[in-house]
Amino acid sequence: MARPEPQAPAEPICPLCLRPVPPAEQDAHHWVPRSRGGRETAILHRICHRQVHALLDEDALARQYHSAQALLGHPQVAAFARWVSSKPPHFHERTRKSRALRRG
């Protein structure tokens, strides 16, 4: 009797864009920032993770946007997730901070 071939583990699915996340694009996102006592993480695409932090500061993440559902309720995060969801899993593009975060 032949042994079944070992299968590679399935790539995690990004909870924002719903695309598979290749190992080279995986970033662990703390739902509540570590600086605010957060421990629980999720694997996001690097581009999705950077976009979240480009749009929202740690206070907003800790107070209001500490789940995928809450993040997708933010209009700019939702628009980004819709846009990037049609891109291939390895897609990457430079991320810019929002004007509000640049001003400090």
Protein backbone atom coordinates (compact mmCIF):
# COMPACT_ATOMS: atom_id res chain seq x y z
CA MET A 1 0.00 0.00 0.00
CA ALA A 2 1.47 3.35 -1.07
CA ARG A 3 1.80 6.12 1.46
CA PRO A 4 -0.01 9.35 0.64
CA GLU A 5 2.22 12.22 -0.37
CA PRO A 6 2.66 14.76 2.44
CA GLN A 7 0.79 17.93 1.63
CA ALA A 8 2.15 21.38 2.22
CA PRO A 9 0.21 23.24 4.89
CA ALA A 10 -2.39 25.57 3.48
CA GLU A 11 -1.46 29.24 3.42
CA PRO A 12 -3.40 31.34 5.91
CA ILE A 13 -6.11 33.62 4.54
CA CYS A 14 -5.76 37.35 5.20
CA PRO A 15 -8.85 38.42 7.19
CA LEU A 16 -8.90 41.81 5.41
CA CYS A 17 -8.50 41.01 1.71
CA LEU A 18 -9.42 37.30 1.91
CA ARG A 19 -6.46 36.23 -0.27
CA PRO A 20 -4.04 33.42 0.65
CA VAL A 21 -0.92 34.82 2.34
CA PRO A 22 2.34 33.36 0.98
CA PRO A 23 5.07 32.83 3.60
CA ALA A 24 7.18 35.72 2.26
CA GLU A 25 4.24 38.15 2.65
CA GLN A 26 3.10 37.14 6.16
CA ASP A 27 3.03 39.75 8.93
CA ALA A 28 1.66 39.14 12.42
CA HIS A 29 -0.76 41.90 13.39
CA HIS A 30 -1.65 42.49 17.04
CA TRP A 31 -5.36 43.29 17.16
CA VAL A 32 -4.66 45.48 20.16
CA PRO A 33 -1.15 46.96 19.88
CA ARG A 34 1.45 45.40 22.17
CA SER A 35 2.10 48.85 23.62
CA ARG A 36 -1.53 48.80 24.83
CA GLY A 37 -1.30 45.28 26.30
CA GLY A 38 -2.41 43.29 23.26
CA ARG A 39 -1.39 39.68 22.81
CA GLU A 40 -3.72 38.18 20.19
CA THR A 41 -2.39 38.24 16.63
CA ALA A 42 -3.52 37.35 13.14
CA ILE A 43 -1.55 36.78 9.95
CA LEU A 44 -2.12 39.55 7.40
CA HIS A 45 -0.53 40.28 4.04
CA ARG A 46 2.39 42.61 4.58
CA ILE A 47 0.73 45.21 2.32
CA CYS A 48 -2.55 44.99 4.27
CA HIS A 49 -0.71 45.26 7.60
CA ARG A 50 1.24 48.30 6.46
CA GLN A 51 -1.91 49.96 5.16
CA VAL A 52 -3.66 49.51 8.51
CA HIS A 53 -0.76 51.18 10.33
CA ALA A 54 -0.52 53.89 7.67
CA LEU A 55 -4.15 54.85 8.28
CA LEU A 56 -4.63 54.30 12.02
CA ASP A 57 -2.56 55.10 15.08
CA GLU A 58 -2.17 52.75 18.04
CA ASP A 59 -4.79 54.56 20.13
CA ALA A 60 -7.45 54.11 17.43
CA LEU A 61 -6.48 50.47 16.96
CA ALA A 62 -6.74 49.78 20.70
CA ARG A 63 -9.98 51.70 21.21
CA GLN A 64 -12.03 50.99 18.13
CA TYR A 65 -10.36 48.86 15.45
CA HIS A 66 -9.27 45.69 17.28
CA SER A 67 -10.81 43.08 14.96
CA ALA A 68 -10.97 42.38 11.24
CA GLN A 69 -14.67 43.28 11.22
CA ALA A 70 -13.99 46.61 12.94
CA LEU A 71 -11.10 47.41 10.59
CA LEU A 72 -13.29 46.69 7.57
CA GLY A 73 -15.82 49.14 9.02
CA HIS A 74 -13.28 51.94 8.48
CA PRO A 75 -14.02 53.39 5.00
CA GLN A 76 -10.39 53.70 3.90
CA VAL A 77 -9.43 50.21 5.11
CA ALA A 78 -12.52 48.78 3.39
CA ALA A 79 -11.70 50.57 0.12
CA PHE A 80 -8.12 49.32 0.26
CA ALA A 81 -9.23 45.75 1.00
CA ARG A 82 -11.64 45.82 -1.98
CA TRP A 83 -8.89 47.17 -4.26
CA VAL A 84 -6.15 44.76 -3.18
CA SER A 85 -8.45 41.70 -3.16
CA SER A 86 -8.18 41.49 -6.96
CA LYS A 87 -4.36 41.46 -6.90
CA PRO A 88 -2.24 38.27 -6.88
CA PRO A 89 -1.15 36.98 -3.44
CA HIS A 90 2.47 38.12 -3.93
CA PHE A 91 1.45 41.66 -4.96
CA HIS A 92 3.28 44.43 -3.14
CA GLU A 93 3.31 48.19 -3.52
CA ARG A 94 4.74 51.04 -1.48
CA THR A 95 2.46 52.20 1.34
CA ARG A 96 2.15 55.86 2.33
CA LYS A 97 1.05 57.15 5.71
CA SER A 98 -2.16 59.12 5.81
CA ARG A 99 -1.86 62.90 6.08
CA ALA A 100 -3.29 62.82 9.61
CA LEU A 101 -0.57 60.41 10.78
CA ARG A 102 2.18 62.34 8.99
CA ARG A 103 1.19 65.50 10.83
CA GLY A 104 1.60 63.61 14.06
